[in-house]
Amino acid sequence: MPLEVAPGLAIPDSEISVSFVRASGPGGQNVNKVSTAAQLRFDLQGSSVLTPGVKARLRALSGRRLIADGTILIVARNQRTQEHNRRDAEERLSELIRRALIPPKARKATRPTRASRERRLEHKTHQGRTKRLRTTPGRDD
């Protein structure tokens, strides 16, 4: 069943692989015997449903989760069952892709207004006056 990311966008199962490994940390016999931690791998390079712009933003957003071969690796090990960890990993991938779908706003270059320039210069003059008053008076004053 494809992973539904947003309305009209679903990641096919062929681009996602999930494997289960033993989790680390506390948990006693359960953590030592049962492979409940989910490792979700998403083939970012080979993805056919994402546009190049979304792929570039996703590459930047994924950070340390992006491994050398261009795959995003998400490890979920907070829950006690495989199913919960798998769902957690899929939700984290969906959220990451949803964030990458939003293009950044283009910045419009603006110039400071005349009034703001005058306020800045007036503030600088006032600060200079204040600092000058802090100095110890010289012999000729």
C-alpha atoms as a PDB file:
ATOM      1  CA  MET A   1       0.000   0.000   0.000  1.00  0.00           C
ATOM      2  CA  PRO A   2       1.580   3.337  -1.062  1.00  0.00           C
ATOM      3  CA  LEU A   3       2.507   5.906   1.574  1.00  0.00           C
ATOM      4  CA  GLU A   4       0.072   8.846   1.322  1.00  0.00           C
ATOM      5  CA  VAL A   5       2.078  12.037   1.872  1.00  0.00           C
ATOM      6  CA  ALA A   6      -0.259  14.775   0.655  1.00  0.00           C
ATOM      7  CA  PRO A   7      -3.457  14.883  -1.389  1.00  0.00           C
ATOM      8  CA  GLY A   8      -2.467  13.686  -4.849  1.00  0.00           C
ATOM      9  CA  LEU A   9       1.011  12.529  -3.793  1.00  0.00           C
ATOM     10  CA  ALA A  10       1.752   8.977  -2.702  1.00  0.00           C
ATOM     11  CA  ILE A  11       5.138   7.268  -2.454  1.00  0.00           C
ATOM     12  CA  PRO A  12       4.993   3.790  -4.022  1.00  0.00           C
ATOM     13  CA  ASP A  13       6.131   0.780  -1.999  1.00  0.00           C
ATOM     14  CA  SER A  14       8.912   0.094  -4.505  1.00  0.00           C
ATOM     15  CA  GLU A  15      10.763   3.244  -3.333  1.00  0.00           C
ATOM     16  CA  ILE A  16      10.497   2.409   0.382  1.00  0.00           C
ATOM     17  CA  SER A  17      12.001  -0.543   2.232  1.00  0.00           C
ATOM     18  CA  VAL A  18      11.493  -1.318   5.913  1.00  0.00           C
ATOM     19  CA  SER A  19      13.657  -3.679   7.938  1.00  0.00           C
ATOM     20  CA  PHE A  20      13.576  -4.473  11.644  1.00  0.00           C
ATOM     21  CA  VAL A  21      16.612  -4.656  13.917  1.00  0.00           C
ATOM     22  CA  ARG A  22      17.187  -4.955  17.630  1.00  0.00           C
ATOM     23  CA  ALA A  23      16.835  -1.672  19.458  1.00  0.00           C
ATOM     24  CA  SER A  24      19.477  -0.374  21.831  1.00  0.00           C
ATOM     25  CA  GLY A  25      19.074   0.975  25.334  1.00  0.00           C
ATOM     26  CA  PRO A  26      17.004  -0.136  28.315  1.00  0.00           C
ATOM     27  CA  GLY A  27      14.215  -2.679  28.003  1.00  0.00           C
ATOM     28  CA  GLY A  28      15.481  -5.920  29.484  1.00  0.00           C
ATOM     29  CA  GLN A  29      14.814  -9.202  27.728  1.00  0.00           C
ATOM     30  CA  ASN A  30      12.365  -7.642  25.267  1.00  0.00           C
ATOM     31  CA  VAL A  31      14.978  -5.343  23.755  1.00  0.00           C
ATOM     32  CA  ASN A  32      17.607  -8.098  23.725  1.00  0.00           C
ATOM     33  CA  LYS A  33      15.458 -10.753  22.032  1.00  0.00           C
ATOM     34  CA  VAL A  34      12.946  -8.991  19.788  1.00  0.00           C
ATOM     35  CA  SER A  35      13.741  -6.954  16.675  1.00  0.00           C
ATOM     36  CA  THR A  36      11.318  -4.074  17.083  1.00  0.00           C
ATOM     37  CA  ALA A  37      13.312  -1.061  15.853  1.00  0.00           C
ATOM     38  CA  ALA A  38      12.294  -0.079  12.316  1.00  0.00           C
ATOM     39  CA  GLN A  39      14.777   1.121   9.711  1.00  0.00           C
ATOM     40  CA  LEU A  40      12.958   2.830   6.856  1.00  0.00           C
ATOM     41  CA  ARG A  41      14.948   3.518   3.674  1.00  0.00           C
ATOM     42  CA  PHE A  42      13.611   5.894   1.015  1.00  0.00           C
ATOM     43  CA  ASP A  43      15.395   5.945  -2.340  1.00  0.00           C
ATOM     44  CA  LEU A  44      15.571   9.707  -2.926  1.00  0.00           C
ATOM     45  CA  GLN A  45      17.748   9.499  -6.051  1.00  0.00           C
ATOM     46  CA  GLY A  46      15.524   6.957  -7.773  1.00  0.00           C
ATOM     47  CA  SER A  47      12.204   8.511  -6.768  1.00  0.00           C
ATOM     48  CA  SER A  48       9.899   9.002  -9.731  1.00  0.00           C
ATOM     49  CA  VAL A  49       7.106  10.895  -7.957  1.00  0.00           C
ATOM     50  CA  LEU A  50       9.110  13.859  -6.632  1.00  0.00           C
ATOM     51  CA  THR A  51      10.212  16.804  -8.778  1.00  0.00           C
ATOM     52  CA  PRO A  52      13.893  17.846  -8.858  1.00  0.00           C
ATOM     53  CA  GLY A  53      13.136  20.969  -6.792  1.00  0.00           C
ATOM     54  CA  VAL A  54      11.432  18.936  -4.077  1.00  0.00           C
ATOM     55  CA  LYS A  55      14.311  16.435  -4.125  1.00  0.00           C
ATOM     56  CA  ALA A  56      16.837  19.246  -3.626  1.00  0.00           C
ATOM     57  CA  ARG A  57      14.876  20.715  -0.694  1.00  0.00           C
ATOM     58  CA  LEU A  58      14.413  17.237   0.794  1.00  0.00           C
ATOM     59  CA  ARG A  59      18.148  16.592   0.468  1.00  0.00           C
ATOM     60  CA  ALA A  60      18.829  19.797   2.424  1.00  0.00           C
ATOM     61  CA  LEU A  61      16.161  19.089   5.060  1.00  0.00           C
ATOM     62  CA  SER A  62      17.132  15.470   5.699  1.00  0.00           C
ATOM     63  CA  GLY A  63      20.560  16.379   7.128  1.00  0.00           C
ATOM     64  CA  ARG A  64      22.276  13.414   8.806  1.00  0.00           C
ATOM     65  CA  ARG A  65      19.478  11.053   7.735  1.00  0.00           C
ATOM     66  CA  LEU A  66      20.790  11.206   4.143  1.00  0.00           C
ATOM     67  CA  ILE A  67      23.379   8.462   3.652  1.00  0.00           C
ATOM     68  CA  ALA A  68      26.114   8.264   1.030  1.00  0.00           C
ATOM     69  CA  ASP A  69      24.168   6.385  -1.663  1.00  0.00           C
ATOM     70  CA  GLY A  70      21.416   9.052  -1.800  1.00  0.00           C
ATOM     71  CA  THR A  71      18.999   7.163   0.429  1.00  0.00           C
ATOM     72  CA  ILE A  72      17.165   8.649   3.394  1.00  0.00           C
ATOM     73  CA  LEU A  73      17.441   6.401   6.455  1.00  0.00           C
ATOM     74  CA  ILE A  74      14.952   6.873   9.293  1.00  0.00           C
ATOM     75  CA  VAL A  75      15.311   4.750  12.430  1.00  0.00           C
ATOM     76  CA  ALA A  76      12.334   4.477  14.798  1.00  0.00           C
ATOM     77  CA  ARG A  77      12.821   2.612  18.071  1.00  0.00           C
ATOM     78  CA  ASN A  78      10.702   4.443  20.654  1.00  0.00           C
ATOM     79  CA  GLN A  79       7.700   2.102  20.594  1.00  0.00           C
ATOM     80  CA  ARG A  80       7.433  -1.479  21.859  1.00  0.00           C
ATOM     81  CA  THR A  81       6.072  -3.089  18.682  1.00  0.00           C
ATOM     82  CA  GLN A  82       7.274  -3.364  15.107  1.00  0.00           C
ATOM     83  CA  GLU A  83       3.994  -1.996  13.779  1.00  0.00           C
ATOM     84  CA  HIS A  84       4.113   1.148  15.908  1.00  0.00           C
ATOM     85  CA  ASN A  85       7.750   1.789  15.012  1.00  0.00           C
ATOM     86  CA  ARG A  86       7.019   1.263  11.302  1.00  0.00           C
ATOM     87  CA  ARG A  87       4.120   3.741  11.466  1.00  0.00           C
ATOM     88  CA  ASP A  88       6.301   6.215  13.369  1.00  0.00           C
ATOM     89  CA  ALA A  89       9.047   5.994  10.729  1.00  0.00           C
ATOM     90  CA  GLU A  90       6.533   6.405   7.883  1.00  0.00           C
ATOM     91  CA  GLU A  91       4.961   9.433   9.577  1.00  0.00           C
ATOM     92  CA  ARG A  92       8.376  11.043  10.063  1.00  0.00           C
ATOM     93  CA  LEU A  93       9.187  10.504   6.368  1.00  0.00           C
ATOM     94  CA  SER A  94       5.794  11.928   5.361  1.00  0.00           C
ATOM     95  CA  GLU A  95       6.352  15.014   7.507  1.00  0.00           C
ATOM     96  CA  LEU A  96       9.820  15.521   6.015  1.00  0.00           C
ATOM     97  CA  ILE A  97       8.448  15.291   2.465  1.00  0.00           C
ATOM     98  CA  ARG A  98       5.530  17.617   3.320  1.00  0.00           C
ATOM     99  CA  ARG A  99       8.027  20.222   4.560  1.00  0.00           C
ATOM    100  CA  ALA A 100      10.036  19.833   1.333  1.00  0.00           C
ATOM    101  CA  LEU A 101       6.913  20.336  -0.805  1.00  0.00           C
ATOM    102  CA  ILE A 102       6.553  23.944   0.359  1.00  0.00           C
ATOM    103  CA  PRO A 103       8.769  26.155  -1.816  1.00  0.00           C
ATOM    104  CA  PRO A 104      10.594  28.939   0.046  1.00  0.00           C
ATOM    105  CA  LYS A 105       9.275  32.451  -0.457  1.00  0.00           C
ATOM    106  CA  ALA A 106      11.384  34.602  -2.750  1.00  0.00           C
ATOM    107  CA  ARG A 107      12.857  37.573  -0.932  1.00  0.00           C
ATOM    108  CA  LYS A 108      12.040  40.982  -2.336  1.00  0.00           C
ATOM    109  CA  ALA A 109      14.910  43.403  -1.985  1.00  0.00           C
ATOM    110  CA  THR A 110      13.784  46.611  -0.273  1.00  0.00           C
ATOM    111  CA  ARG A 111      15.509  49.858   0.596  1.00  0.00           C
ATOM    112  CA  PRO A 112      15.256  51.558   3.975  1.00  0.00           C
ATOM    113  CA  THR A 113      12.885  54.513   4.059  1.00  0.00           C
ATOM    114  CA  ARG A 114      14.136  58.066   4.521  1.00  0.00           C
ATOM    115  CA  ALA A 115      12.555  58.262   7.975  1.00  0.00           C
ATOM    116  CA  SER A 116      14.231  55.026   9.116  1.00  0.00           C
ATOM    117  CA  ARG A 117      17.626  56.300   7.898  1.00  0.00           C
ATOM    118  CA  GLU A 118      17.109  59.532   9.818  1.00  0.00           C
ATOM    119  CA  ARG A 119      16.075  57.610  12.963  1.00  0.00           C
ATOM    120  CA  ARG A 120      19.184  55.454  12.681  1.00  0.00           C
ATOM    121  CA  LEU A 121      21.479  58.486  12.338  1.00  0.00           C
ATOM    122  CA  GLU A 122      19.721  60.271  15.216  1.00  0.00           C
ATOM    123  CA  HIS A 123      20.176  57.172  17.387  1.00  0.00           C
ATOM    124  CA  LYS A 124      23.860  57.010  16.489  1.00  0.00           C
ATOM    125  CA  THR A 125      24.305  60.675  17.395  1.00  0.00           C
ATOM    126  CA  HIS A 126      22.542  60.143  20.718  1.00  0.00           C
ATOM    127  CA  GLN A 127      24.674  57.066  21.515  1.00  0.00           C
ATOM    128  CA  GLY A 128      27.853  58.980  20.676  1.00  0.00           C
ATOM    129  CA  ARG A 129      26.803  61.840  22.958  1.00  0.00           C
ATOM    130  CA  THR A 130      26.067  59.384  25.783  1.00  0.00           C
ATOM    131  CA  LYS A 131      29.454  57.701  25.406  1.00  0.00           C
ATOM    132  CA  ARG A 132      31.245  61.032  25.299  1.00  0.00           C
ATOM    133  CA  LEU A 133      29.609  61.958  28.639  1.00  0.00           C
ATOM    134  CA  ARG A 134      30.926  58.758  30.216  1.00  0.00           C
ATOM    135  CA  THR A 135      34.564  59.668  29.680  1.00  0.00           C
ATOM    136  CA  THR A 136      36.557  61.215  32.508  1.00  0.00           C
ATOM    137  CA  PRO A 137      37.109  64.937  31.958  1.00  0.00           C
ATOM    138  CA  GLY A 138      40.582  65.872  30.735  1.00  0.00           C
ATOM    139  CA  ARG A 139      42.866  68.561  32.189  1.00  0.00           C
ATOM    140  CA  ASP A 140      41.828  71.167  29.646  1.00  0.00           C
ATOM    141  CA  ASP A 141      38.048  70.771  30.364  1.00  0.00           C
END
